[in-house]
Amino acid sequence: MIKVGIYGASGYMGSEALRILLKHPEVSVEWATSRSNTPIEYYHKNFYGRGIKFVLPSEVTPCDVVFFALPTGVTTEVCQPFLNEGTKIIDFGADFRLKDKSEWERIYQKNHTNWNLSQEAIYGICELHRKDIAQASIIANPGCYSSSSILALAPLVSEEFIDLDKIIVDGLSGTVGAGDDLDLALHHPEIDNNSCHIML
């Protein structure tokens, strides 16, 4: 069995990882963290009566793989001890997705505190990078826009059917990707008719 931990399981991404991993026949979920002592049912009603309890980050035990579902910039601050133990880490956030530090800091408006880790990371689209992912210690899980765009375009790019300088992806967004924190900008009257144009 593969021993797995989920670091940051009170949010949507962490809870979905927990739901899927609990059903995996070759995985043993050893722990799921939260900084709060609040029962898991408070955040995720679908786990009511399952006997699952959060642990504090200070209480985690060694695992083979740890999934990080943390705000941008936090994974890179807390993941080093796991890497030192030989643990494979999979980051659901954006900490390791880019290879240009100045571009990352411009987009996310933060200082990246351990850029060397980003240089090691493999972009986690398994349909394109399966062999590299199997051997890597750090997996940068792609976002939803990136995954859908890259997987749709990859065959066309591979066969040179399209001009790489003229690719436009027009994406329409909901709000679930923004997490579960309350924010005025995520209320329906604010987000209605919002769209996102991505130039690749």
N, C-alpha and C. Protein backbone atom coordinates (compact mmCIF):
# COMPACT_ATOMS: atom_id res chain seq x y z
N MET A 1 0.83 -1.20 0.00
CA MET A 1 0.00 0.00 0.00
C MET A 1 0.87 1.25 0.00
N ILE A 2 0.42 2.26 -0.73
CA ILE A 2 1.11 3.55 -0.78
C ILE A 2 0.57 4.42 0.35
N LYS A 3 1.44 4.83 1.25
CA LYS A 3 1.02 5.68 2.35
C LYS A 3 0.95 7.13 1.88
N VAL A 4 -0.22 7.74 2.08
CA VAL A 4 -0.48 9.07 1.55
C VAL A 4 -0.96 10.00 2.65
N GLY A 5 -0.50 11.27 2.58
CA GLY A 5 -1.01 12.31 3.44
C GLY A 5 -1.56 13.45 2.60
N ILE A 6 -2.51 14.19 3.16
CA ILE A 6 -3.07 15.36 2.48
C ILE A 6 -2.85 16.56 3.38
N TYR A 7 -2.01 17.46 2.94
CA TYR A 7 -1.64 18.62 3.74
C TYR A 7 -2.53 19.79 3.31
N GLY A 8 -3.53 20.10 4.15
CA GLY A 8 -4.49 21.14 3.83
C GLY A 8 -5.77 20.55 3.29
N ALA A 9 -6.52 19.86 4.15
CA ALA A 9 -7.69 19.11 3.68
C ALA A 9 -9.02 19.77 4.04
N SER A 10 -8.99 20.99 4.56
CA SER A 10 -10.25 21.63 4.90
C SER A 10 -10.87 22.37 3.71
N GLY A 11 -10.09 22.62 2.65
CA GLY A 11 -10.60 23.29 1.47
C GLY A 11 -11.17 22.32 0.44
N TYR A 12 -11.66 22.85 -0.66
CA TYR A 12 -12.31 22.04 -1.68
C TYR A 12 -11.35 21.04 -2.32
N MET A 13 -10.17 21.50 -2.71
CA MET A 13 -9.23 20.63 -3.39
C MET A 13 -8.75 19.50 -2.48
N GLY A 14 -8.42 19.83 -1.25
CA GLY A 14 -7.99 18.80 -0.31
C GLY A 14 -9.07 17.78 -0.03
N SER A 15 -10.31 18.24 0.10
CA SER A 15 -11.40 17.30 0.38
C SER A 15 -11.69 16.38 -0.79
N GLU A 16 -11.56 16.92 -2.01
CA GLU A 16 -11.79 16.08 -3.18
C GLU A 16 -10.68 15.03 -3.32
N ALA A 17 -9.45 15.44 -3.03
CA ALA A 17 -8.35 14.46 -3.04
C ALA A 17 -8.61 13.38 -2.00
N LEU A 18 -9.06 13.78 -0.82
CA LEU A 18 -9.36 12.81 0.23
C LEU A 18 -10.46 11.85 -0.20
N ARG A 19 -11.52 12.37 -0.79
CA ARG A 19 -12.63 11.53 -1.24
C ARG A 19 -12.17 10.47 -2.24
N ILE A 20 -11.35 10.89 -3.22
CA ILE A 20 -10.89 9.97 -4.25
C ILE A 20 -9.89 8.95 -3.69
N LEU A 21 -8.96 9.43 -2.87
CA LEU A 21 -7.92 8.55 -2.34
C LEU A 21 -8.47 7.51 -1.37
N LEU A 22 -9.53 7.83 -0.66
CA LEU A 22 -10.14 6.86 0.25
C LEU A 22 -10.71 5.65 -0.50
N LYS A 23 -11.00 5.84 -1.78
CA LYS A 23 -11.55 4.74 -2.60
C LYS A 23 -10.47 3.97 -3.35
N HIS A 24 -9.24 4.47 -3.32
CA HIS A 24 -8.17 3.85 -4.12
C HIS A 24 -7.71 2.55 -3.46
N PRO A 25 -7.72 1.45 -4.20
CA PRO A 25 -7.40 0.15 -3.60
C PRO A 25 -5.94 -0.03 -3.20
N GLU A 26 -5.05 0.83 -3.70
CA GLU A 26 -3.63 0.68 -3.40
C GLU A 26 -3.09 1.81 -2.52
N VAL A 27 -3.99 2.57 -1.91
CA VAL A 27 -3.60 3.73 -1.11
C VAL A 27 -4.12 3.61 0.31
N SER A 28 -3.28 3.98 1.25
CA SER A 28 -3.69 4.11 2.65
C SER A 28 -3.54 5.57 3.05
N VAL A 29 -4.66 6.24 3.31
CA VAL A 29 -4.61 7.64 3.73
C VAL A 29 -4.24 7.66 5.20
N GLU A 30 -3.03 8.15 5.48
CA GLU A 30 -2.51 8.14 6.85
C GLU A 30 -2.97 9.34 7.66
N TRP A 31 -3.14 10.47 7.00
CA TRP A 31 -3.59 11.68 7.69
C TRP A 31 -4.05 12.72 6.70
N ALA A 32 -4.84 13.68 7.23
CA ALA A 32 -5.28 14.86 6.50
C ALA A 32 -5.22 16.02 7.48
N THR A 33 -4.54 17.09 7.11
CA THR A 33 -4.31 18.16 8.07
C THR A 33 -5.31 19.31 7.96
N SER A 34 -5.44 19.99 9.09
CA SER A 34 -6.12 21.27 9.18
C SER A 34 -5.49 22.01 10.35
N ARG A 35 -5.43 23.33 10.25
CA ARG A 35 -4.90 24.12 11.36
C ARG A 35 -5.93 24.29 12.48
N SER A 36 -7.14 23.83 12.22
CA SER A 36 -8.24 23.99 13.17
C SER A 36 -8.58 22.66 13.81
N ASN A 37 -9.10 22.70 15.01
CA ASN A 37 -9.59 21.48 15.67
C ASN A 37 -11.04 21.19 15.33
N THR A 38 -11.58 21.92 14.37
CA THR A 38 -12.98 21.73 13.96
C THR A 38 -13.15 20.37 13.30
N PRO A 39 -14.23 19.65 13.60
CA PRO A 39 -14.47 18.35 12.96
C PRO A 39 -14.56 18.48 11.44
N ILE A 40 -14.16 17.45 10.73
CA ILE A 40 -14.14 17.48 9.27
C ILE A 40 -15.54 17.71 8.70
N GLU A 41 -16.59 17.25 9.41
CA GLU A 41 -17.96 17.40 8.92
C GLU A 41 -18.37 18.87 8.81
N TYR A 42 -17.72 19.74 9.57
CA TYR A 42 -18.05 21.17 9.50
C TYR A 42 -17.72 21.72 8.12
N TYR A 43 -16.63 21.25 7.54
CA TYR A 43 -16.22 21.71 6.22
C TYR A 43 -16.81 20.87 5.10
N HIS A 44 -16.90 19.57 5.32
CA HIS A 44 -17.28 18.64 4.26
C HIS A 44 -18.36 17.68 4.77
N LYS A 45 -19.60 18.01 4.47
CA LYS A 45 -20.72 17.21 4.98
C LYS A 45 -20.71 15.77 4.45
N ASN A 46 -20.06 15.56 3.30
CA ASN A 46 -20.03 14.21 2.73
C ASN A 46 -19.20 13.22 3.54
N PHE A 47 -18.42 13.71 4.51
CA PHE A 47 -17.63 12.81 5.36
C PHE A 47 -18.30 12.55 6.71
N TYR A 48 -19.54 12.97 6.85
CA TYR A 48 -20.25 12.78 8.12
C TYR A 48 -20.33 11.29 8.47
N GLY A 49 -19.95 10.96 9.69
CA GLY A 49 -20.04 9.59 10.16
C GLY A 49 -18.96 8.66 9.65
N ARG A 50 -17.95 9.17 8.96
CA ARG A 50 -16.90 8.31 8.41
C ARG A 50 -15.76 8.06 9.40
N GLY A 51 -15.77 8.77 10.52
CA GLY A 51 -14.72 8.57 11.52
C GLY A 51 -13.39 9.18 11.15
N ILE A 52 -13.39 10.12 10.21
CA ILE A 52 -12.16 10.78 9.77
C ILE A 52 -11.92 12.01 10.64
N LYS A 53 -10.70 12.15 11.12
CA LYS A 53 -10.35 13.30 11.94
C LYS A 53 -9.13 14.00 11.35
N PHE A 54 -9.20 15.33 11.36
CA PHE A 54 -8.03 16.11 10.96
C PHE A 54 -6.93 15.95 12.00
N VAL A 55 -5.68 16.10 11.54
CA VAL A 55 -4.56 16.23 12.47
C VAL A 55 -3.92 17.60 12.22
N LEU A 56 -3.23 18.10 13.22
CA LEU A 56 -2.50 19.34 13.06
C LEU A 56 -1.24 19.09 12.21
N PRO A 57 -0.76 20.10 11.48
CA PRO A 57 0.47 19.92 10.70
C PRO A 57 1.64 19.42 11.53
N SER A 58 1.67 19.75 12.80
CA SER A 58 2.77 19.31 13.67
C SER A 58 2.67 17.83 14.03
N GLU A 59 1.56 17.18 13.69
CA GLU A 59 1.33 15.79 14.09
C GLU A 59 1.48 14.81 12.93
N VAL A 60 1.94 15.25 11.79
CA VAL A 60 2.01 14.36 10.63
C VAL A 60 3.10 13.32 10.81
N THR A 61 2.94 12.20 10.14
CA THR A 61 3.90 11.09 10.17
C THR A 61 4.44 10.86 8.75
N PRO A 62 5.57 10.15 8.61
CA PRO A 62 6.14 9.93 7.27
C PRO A 62 5.19 9.20 6.33
N CYS A 63 5.21 9.60 5.07
CA CYS A 63 4.38 8.99 4.03
C CYS A 63 5.21 8.82 2.76
N ASP A 64 4.68 8.02 1.84
CA ASP A 64 5.32 7.86 0.54
C ASP A 64 5.03 9.06 -0.37
N VAL A 65 3.80 9.56 -0.27
CA VAL A 65 3.36 10.68 -1.10
C VAL A 65 2.56 11.64 -0.23
N VAL A 66 2.78 12.94 -0.43
CA VAL A 66 1.96 13.94 0.25
C VAL A 66 1.40 14.90 -0.79
N PHE A 67 0.08 15.07 -0.75
CA PHE A 67 -0.61 16.03 -1.60
C PHE A 67 -0.75 17.34 -0.82
N PHE A 68 -0.37 18.46 -1.46
CA PHE A 68 -0.47 19.77 -0.83
C PHE A 68 -1.61 20.56 -1.47
N ALA A 69 -2.56 20.98 -0.65
CA ALA A 69 -3.69 21.79 -1.12
C ALA A 69 -3.69 23.08 -0.29
N LEU A 70 -2.72 23.93 -0.58
CA LEU A 70 -2.48 25.12 0.23
C LEU A 70 -2.51 26.38 -0.64
N PRO A 71 -2.66 27.54 -0.02
CA PRO A 71 -2.62 28.79 -0.80
C PRO A 71 -1.27 28.96 -1.51
N THR A 72 -1.28 29.70 -2.59
CA THR A 72 -0.07 29.93 -3.37
C THR A 72 1.05 30.49 -2.50
N GLY A 73 2.21 29.86 -2.61
CA GLY A 73 3.39 30.30 -1.87
C GLY A 73 3.64 29.57 -0.58
N VAL A 74 2.66 28.81 -0.09
CA VAL A 74 2.81 28.15 1.21
C VAL A 74 3.47 26.78 1.08
N THR A 75 3.15 26.06 0.03
CA THR A 75 3.73 24.72 -0.14
C THR A 75 5.25 24.77 -0.14
N THR A 76 5.81 25.72 -0.87
CA THR A 76 7.27 25.82 -0.97
C THR A 76 7.92 26.11 0.39
N GLU A 77 7.14 26.68 1.33
CA GLU A 77 7.65 26.99 2.65
C GLU A 77 7.63 25.79 3.61
N VAL A 78 6.75 24.81 3.34
CA VAL A 78 6.58 23.72 4.31
C VAL A 78 6.95 22.34 3.78
N CYS A 79 7.30 22.23 2.50
CA CYS A 79 7.48 20.90 1.91
C CYS A 79 8.87 20.31 2.08
N GLN A 80 9.87 21.12 2.40
CA GLN A 80 11.25 20.63 2.42
C GLN A 80 11.46 19.44 3.35
N PRO A 81 10.92 19.44 4.58
CA PRO A 81 11.12 18.26 5.45
C PRO A 81 10.61 16.96 4.82
N PHE A 82 9.53 17.03 4.05
CA PHE A 82 9.02 15.83 3.38
C PHE A 82 9.98 15.38 2.30
N LEU A 83 10.50 16.31 1.53
CA LEU A 83 11.47 15.96 0.49
C LEU A 83 12.73 15.37 1.11
N ASN A 84 13.13 15.89 2.25
CA ASN A 84 14.32 15.35 2.93
C ASN A 84 14.13 13.91 3.36
N GLU A 85 12.88 13.52 3.59
CA GLU A 85 12.57 12.13 3.98
C GLU A 85 12.37 11.21 2.78
N GLY A 86 12.49 11.78 1.58
CA GLY A 86 12.31 10.97 0.37
C GLY A 86 10.86 10.86 -0.07
N THR A 87 10.01 11.72 0.44
CA THR A 87 8.59 11.70 0.09
C THR A 87 8.37 12.40 -1.25
N LYS A 88 7.54 11.80 -2.10
CA LYS A 88 7.12 12.47 -3.34
C LYS A 88 6.03 13.46 -2.97
N ILE A 89 6.12 14.69 -3.48
CA ILE A 89 5.08 15.66 -3.19
C ILE A 89 4.35 16.06 -4.47
N ILE A 90 3.05 16.24 -4.33
CA ILE A 90 2.20 16.66 -5.43
C ILE A 90 1.48 17.92 -4.98
N ASP A 91 1.78 19.03 -5.65
CA ASP A 91 1.23 20.32 -5.25
C ASP A 91 0.05 20.69 -6.13
N PHE A 92 -1.13 20.87 -5.49
CA PHE A 92 -2.32 21.28 -6.24
C PHE A 92 -2.31 22.77 -6.55
N GLY A 93 -1.44 23.52 -5.89
CA GLY A 93 -1.38 24.96 -6.10
C GLY A 93 -0.42 25.32 -7.22
N ALA A 94 -0.01 26.59 -7.20
CA ALA A 94 0.79 27.12 -8.31
C ALA A 94 2.27 27.27 -8.01
N ASP A 95 2.73 26.76 -6.87
CA ASP A 95 4.10 27.04 -6.44
C ASP A 95 5.16 26.58 -7.43
N PHE A 96 4.93 25.50 -8.16
CA PHE A 96 5.98 24.91 -9.00
C PHE A 96 5.59 24.82 -10.47
N ARG A 97 4.59 25.55 -10.89
CA ARG A 97 4.07 25.38 -12.25
C ARG A 97 4.89 26.08 -13.33
N LEU A 98 5.62 27.12 -12.97
CA LEU A 98 6.36 27.89 -13.97
C LEU A 98 7.87 27.69 -13.83
N LYS A 99 8.60 27.97 -14.90
CA LYS A 99 10.06 27.82 -14.90
C LYS A 99 10.79 29.15 -14.92
N ASP A 100 10.06 30.26 -14.99
CA ASP A 100 10.67 31.59 -15.00
C ASP A 100 10.27 32.30 -13.70
N LYS A 101 11.25 32.55 -12.84
CA LYS A 101 10.95 33.13 -11.53
C LYS A 101 10.33 34.51 -11.62
N SER A 102 10.87 35.37 -12.46
CA SER A 102 10.33 36.73 -12.58
C SER A 102 8.89 36.70 -13.09
N GLU A 103 8.59 35.77 -13.99
CA GLU A 103 7.23 35.63 -14.50
C GLU A 103 6.29 35.14 -13.39
N TRP A 104 6.76 34.16 -12.61
CA TRP A 104 5.95 33.64 -11.49
C TRP A 104 5.64 34.75 -10.51
N GLU A 105 6.66 35.52 -10.13
CA GLU A 105 6.46 36.57 -9.13
C GLU A 105 5.61 37.71 -9.68
N ARG A 106 5.67 37.95 -10.96
CA ARG A 106 4.80 38.97 -11.57
C ARG A 106 3.34 38.53 -11.54
N ILE A 107 3.10 37.27 -11.89
CA ILE A 107 1.73 36.76 -11.96
C ILE A 107 1.10 36.64 -10.57
N TYR A 108 1.86 36.09 -9.62
CA TYR A 108 1.28 35.80 -8.30
C TYR A 108 1.55 36.88 -7.26
N GLN A 109 2.31 37.91 -7.64
CA GLN A 109 2.54 39.06 -6.76
C GLN A 109 3.12 38.64 -5.41
N LYS A 110 4.04 37.67 -5.44
CA LYS A 110 4.71 37.18 -4.23
C LYS A 110 6.16 36.91 -4.56
N ASN A 111 6.99 36.84 -3.52
CA ASN A 111 8.36 36.35 -3.69
C ASN A 111 8.37 34.85 -3.52
N HIS A 112 8.99 34.15 -4.44
CA HIS A 112 9.11 32.69 -4.33
C HIS A 112 10.30 32.38 -3.43
N THR A 113 10.07 31.66 -2.34
CA THR A 113 11.11 31.50 -1.31
C THR A 113 12.06 30.34 -1.56
N ASN A 114 11.80 29.47 -2.52
CA ASN A 114 12.71 28.36 -2.79
C ASN A 114 12.61 27.97 -4.26
N TRP A 115 13.16 28.82 -5.12
CA TRP A 115 13.00 28.62 -6.55
C TRP A 115 13.68 27.36 -7.07
N ASN A 116 14.70 26.88 -6.38
CA ASN A 116 15.37 25.65 -6.83
C ASN A 116 14.39 24.48 -6.93
N LEU A 117 13.40 24.46 -6.05
CA LEU A 117 12.42 23.37 -6.10
C LEU A 117 11.60 23.43 -7.39
N SER A 118 11.30 24.62 -7.85
CA SER A 118 10.54 24.76 -9.09
C SER A 118 11.32 24.21 -10.27
N GLN A 119 12.64 24.33 -10.22
CA GLN A 119 13.48 23.82 -11.30
C GLN A 119 13.44 22.29 -11.35
N GLU A 120 13.18 21.66 -10.21
CA GLU A 120 13.11 20.20 -10.14
C GLU A 120 11.75 19.65 -10.55
N ALA A 121 10.71 20.47 -10.43
CA ALA A 121 9.34 19.99 -10.58
C ALA A 121 9.03 19.56 -12.00
N ILE A 122 8.16 18.56 -12.10
CA ILE A 122 7.63 18.09 -13.38
C ILE A 122 6.17 18.51 -13.47
N TYR A 123 5.79 19.04 -14.62
CA TYR A 123 4.41 19.46 -14.82
C TYR A 123 3.53 18.22 -14.95
N GLY A 124 2.50 18.15 -14.12
CA GLY A 124 1.80 16.89 -13.91
C GLY A 124 0.69 16.51 -14.86
N ILE A 125 0.85 16.71 -16.14
CA ILE A 125 -0.12 16.18 -17.09
C ILE A 125 0.38 14.80 -17.50
N CYS A 126 -0.22 13.77 -16.91
CA CYS A 126 0.34 12.42 -17.08
C CYS A 126 0.22 11.92 -18.51
N GLU A 127 -0.74 12.42 -19.27
CA GLU A 127 -0.87 11.99 -20.66
C GLU A 127 0.35 12.39 -21.49
N LEU A 128 1.07 13.43 -21.03
CA LEU A 128 2.22 13.92 -21.78
C LEU A 128 3.56 13.65 -21.08
N HIS A 129 3.53 13.49 -19.75
CA HIS A 129 4.78 13.40 -18.99
C HIS A 129 4.81 12.20 -18.04
N ARG A 130 4.17 11.12 -18.40
CA ARG A 130 4.00 9.99 -17.48
C ARG A 130 5.34 9.46 -16.96
N LYS A 131 6.30 9.24 -17.81
CA LYS A 131 7.59 8.67 -17.38
C LYS A 131 8.33 9.61 -16.43
N ASP A 132 8.33 10.90 -16.76
CA ASP A 132 9.01 11.87 -15.91
C ASP A 132 8.33 11.99 -14.55
N ILE A 133 7.01 11.94 -14.55
CA ILE A 133 6.24 12.03 -13.30
C ILE A 133 6.59 10.86 -12.39
N ALA A 134 6.72 9.68 -12.96
CA ALA A 134 7.01 8.48 -12.16
C ALA A 134 8.34 8.60 -11.43
N GLN A 135 9.28 9.32 -12.00
CA GLN A 135 10.62 9.42 -11.44
C GLN A 135 10.83 10.69 -10.61
N ALA A 136 9.93 11.65 -10.70
CA ALA A 136 10.12 12.96 -10.07
C ALA A 136 9.79 12.93 -8.59
N SER A 137 10.40 13.86 -7.85
CA SER A 137 10.07 14.04 -6.43
C SER A 137 9.02 15.12 -6.22
N ILE A 138 8.93 16.04 -7.17
CA ILE A 138 7.98 17.15 -7.07
C ILE A 138 7.12 17.19 -8.33
N ILE A 139 5.82 17.11 -8.12
CA ILE A 139 4.87 17.18 -9.23
C ILE A 139 4.08 18.48 -9.09
N ALA A 140 4.09 19.29 -10.13
CA ALA A 140 3.29 20.51 -10.17
C ALA A 140 1.97 20.18 -10.86
N ASN A 141 0.92 20.01 -10.07
CA ASN A 141 -0.37 19.65 -10.63
C ASN A 141 -0.92 20.84 -11.43
N PRO A 142 -1.30 20.62 -12.69
CA PRO A 142 -1.80 21.74 -13.50
C PRO A 142 -3.20 22.16 -13.07
N GLY A 143 -3.55 23.40 -13.38
CA GLY A 143 -4.89 23.89 -13.11
C GLY A 143 -5.87 23.43 -14.17
N CYS A 144 -7.14 23.77 -13.96
CA CYS A 144 -8.20 23.30 -14.87
C CYS A 144 -8.09 23.95 -16.25
N TYR A 145 -7.84 25.27 -16.30
CA TYR A 145 -7.69 25.92 -17.60
C TYR A 145 -6.53 25.31 -18.37
N SER A 146 -5.40 25.15 -17.68
CA SER A 146 -4.20 24.62 -18.34
C SER A 146 -4.44 23.22 -18.85
N SER A 147 -5.01 22.36 -18.01
CA SER A 147 -5.23 20.96 -18.41
C SER A 147 -6.11 20.86 -19.64
N SER A 148 -7.24 21.54 -19.62
CA SER A 148 -8.16 21.44 -20.75
C SER A 148 -7.55 22.04 -22.02
N SER A 149 -6.82 23.14 -21.86
CA SER A 149 -6.22 23.78 -23.03
C SER A 149 -5.10 22.94 -23.62
N ILE A 150 -4.20 22.48 -22.76
CA ILE A 150 -3.03 21.73 -23.23
C ILE A 150 -3.44 20.40 -23.85
N LEU A 151 -4.35 19.69 -23.20
CA LEU A 151 -4.76 18.39 -23.74
C LEU A 151 -5.51 18.53 -25.07
N ALA A 152 -6.25 19.62 -25.22
CA ALA A 152 -6.96 19.84 -26.48
C ALA A 152 -5.99 20.22 -27.60
N LEU A 153 -4.96 21.00 -27.26
CA LEU A 153 -4.05 21.52 -28.27
C LEU A 153 -2.88 20.59 -28.59
N ALA A 154 -2.51 19.72 -27.63
CA ALA A 154 -1.30 18.90 -27.80
C ALA A 154 -1.27 18.09 -29.11
N PRO A 155 -2.35 17.41 -29.49
CA PRO A 155 -2.29 16.65 -30.76
C PRO A 155 -2.10 17.55 -31.97
N LEU A 156 -2.72 18.72 -31.93
CA LEU A 156 -2.59 19.65 -33.06
C LEU A 156 -1.18 20.22 -33.15
N VAL A 157 -0.60 20.53 -32.00
CA VAL A 157 0.78 21.03 -31.97
C VAL A 157 1.75 19.95 -32.42
N SER A 158 1.53 18.73 -31.92
CA SER A 158 2.42 17.62 -32.26
C SER A 158 2.46 17.36 -33.77
N GLU A 159 1.31 17.51 -34.41
CA GLU A 159 1.23 17.26 -35.86
C GLU A 159 1.47 18.52 -36.69
N GLU A 160 1.80 19.61 -36.00
CA GLU A 160 2.08 20.89 -36.66
C GLU A 160 0.91 21.35 -37.53
N PHE A 161 -0.30 21.18 -37.00
CA PHE A 161 -1.50 21.60 -37.72
C PHE A 161 -1.86 23.06 -37.45
N ILE A 162 -1.26 23.67 -36.41
CA ILE A 162 -1.64 25.03 -36.05
C ILE A 162 -0.40 25.91 -35.90
N ASP A 163 -0.63 27.21 -36.05
CA ASP A 163 0.43 28.21 -35.91
C ASP A 163 0.56 28.55 -34.43
N LEU A 164 1.72 28.27 -33.84
CA LEU A 164 1.91 28.47 -32.41
C LEU A 164 1.82 29.93 -32.00
N ASP A 165 2.01 30.84 -32.92
CA ASP A 165 1.94 32.26 -32.61
C ASP A 165 0.52 32.81 -32.64
N LYS A 166 -0.44 31.97 -32.98
CA LYS A 166 -1.82 32.45 -33.14
C LYS A 166 -2.82 31.64 -32.32
N ILE A 167 -2.37 31.07 -31.22
CA ILE A 167 -3.27 30.29 -30.36
C ILE A 167 -3.95 31.21 -29.36
N ILE A 168 -5.27 31.14 -29.31
CA ILE A 168 -6.05 31.86 -28.31
C ILE A 168 -6.99 30.87 -27.65
N VAL A 169 -6.98 30.84 -26.31
CA VAL A 169 -7.92 30.00 -25.57
C VAL A 169 -8.90 30.93 -24.86
N ASP A 170 -10.18 30.74 -25.11
CA ASP A 170 -11.23 31.56 -24.50
C ASP A 170 -11.92 30.71 -23.45
N GLY A 171 -11.68 31.02 -22.17
CA GLY A 171 -12.23 30.21 -21.09
C GLY A 171 -13.26 30.96 -20.28
N LEU A 172 -14.35 30.29 -19.91
CA LEU A 172 -15.39 30.88 -19.07
C LEU A 172 -15.32 30.24 -17.70
N SER A 173 -15.33 31.06 -16.66
CA SER A 173 -15.05 30.57 -15.32
C SER A 173 -16.27 30.56 -14.42
N GLY A 174 -16.29 29.54 -13.55
CA GLY A 174 -17.17 29.57 -12.39
C GLY A 174 -16.36 30.09 -11.22
N THR A 175 -16.75 29.76 -10.00
CA THR A 175 -16.03 30.28 -8.85
C THR A 175 -15.42 29.19 -7.97
N VAL A 176 -15.69 27.93 -8.24
CA VAL A 176 -15.22 26.87 -7.34
C VAL A 176 -13.70 26.82 -7.27
N GLY A 177 -13.02 27.21 -8.34
CA GLY A 177 -11.57 27.18 -8.34
C GLY A 177 -10.92 28.18 -7.40
N ALA A 178 -11.71 29.11 -6.90
CA ALA A 178 -11.18 30.12 -6.00
C ALA A 178 -11.14 29.67 -4.55
N GLY A 179 -11.58 28.45 -4.27
CA GLY A 179 -11.55 27.94 -2.90
C GLY A 179 -12.82 28.25 -2.13
N ASP A 180 -12.78 28.02 -0.82
CA ASP A 180 -14.00 28.15 -0.03
C ASP A 180 -14.03 29.36 0.90
N ASP A 181 -13.04 30.26 0.77
CA ASP A 181 -13.08 31.48 1.56
C ASP A 181 -14.13 32.43 1.01
N LEU A 182 -14.87 33.12 1.91
CA LEU A 182 -15.85 34.09 1.48
C LEU A 182 -15.14 35.34 0.96
N ASP A 183 -15.60 35.83 -0.18
CA ASP A 183 -14.97 36.98 -0.80
C ASP A 183 -16.01 37.69 -1.66
N LEU A 184 -16.12 39.00 -1.53
CA LEU A 184 -17.10 39.76 -2.29
C LEU A 184 -16.97 39.50 -3.79
N ALA A 185 -15.73 39.39 -4.27
CA ALA A 185 -15.51 39.21 -5.70
C ALA A 185 -16.05 37.88 -6.22
N LEU A 186 -16.37 36.95 -5.33
CA LEU A 186 -16.86 35.63 -5.75
C LEU A 186 -18.37 35.50 -5.68
N HIS A 187 -19.06 36.53 -5.20
CA HIS A 187 -20.52 36.48 -5.15
C HIS A 187 -21.08 36.57 -6.56
N HIS A 188 -22.22 35.92 -6.80
CA HIS A 188 -22.77 35.83 -8.15
C HIS A 188 -22.94 37.19 -8.84
N PRO A 189 -23.48 38.22 -8.16
CA PRO A 189 -23.62 39.51 -8.86
C PRO A 189 -22.29 40.09 -9.33
N GLU A 190 -21.20 39.74 -8.65
CA GLU A 190 -19.89 40.25 -9.03
C GLU A 190 -19.26 39.43 -10.15
N ILE A 191 -19.49 38.13 -10.14
CA ILE A 191 -18.82 37.23 -11.08
C ILE A 191 -19.63 37.00 -12.35
N ASP A 192 -20.92 37.37 -12.35
CA ASP A 192 -21.80 37.12 -13.48
C ASP A 192 -21.23 37.73 -14.76
N ASN A 193 -21.23 36.94 -15.82
CA ASN A 193 -20.73 37.33 -17.14
C ASN A 193 -19.22 37.52 -17.19
N ASN A 194 -18.52 37.02 -16.18
CA ASN A 194 -17.07 37.10 -16.20
C ASN A 194 -16.51 36.11 -17.20
N SER A 195 -15.48 36.49 -17.88
CA SER A 195 -14.80 35.55 -18.78
C SER A 195 -13.32 35.80 -18.72
N CYS A 196 -12.55 34.83 -19.17
CA CYS A 196 -11.10 34.92 -19.13
C CYS A 196 -10.53 34.54 -20.49
N HIS A 197 -9.70 35.38 -21.04
CA HIS A 197 -9.05 35.10 -22.32
C HIS A 197 -7.59 34.79 -22.05
N ILE A 198 -7.16 33.63 -22.46
CA ILE A 198 -5.78 33.21 -22.21
C ILE A 198 -5.04 33.16 -23.53
N MET A 199 -3.96 33.88 -23.61
CA MET A 199 -3.13 33.87 -24.82
C MET A 199 -1.96 32.92 -24.57
N LEU A 200 -1.83 31.89 -25.36
CA LEU A 200 -0.74 30.95 -25.20
C LEU A 200 0.30 31.16 -26.30
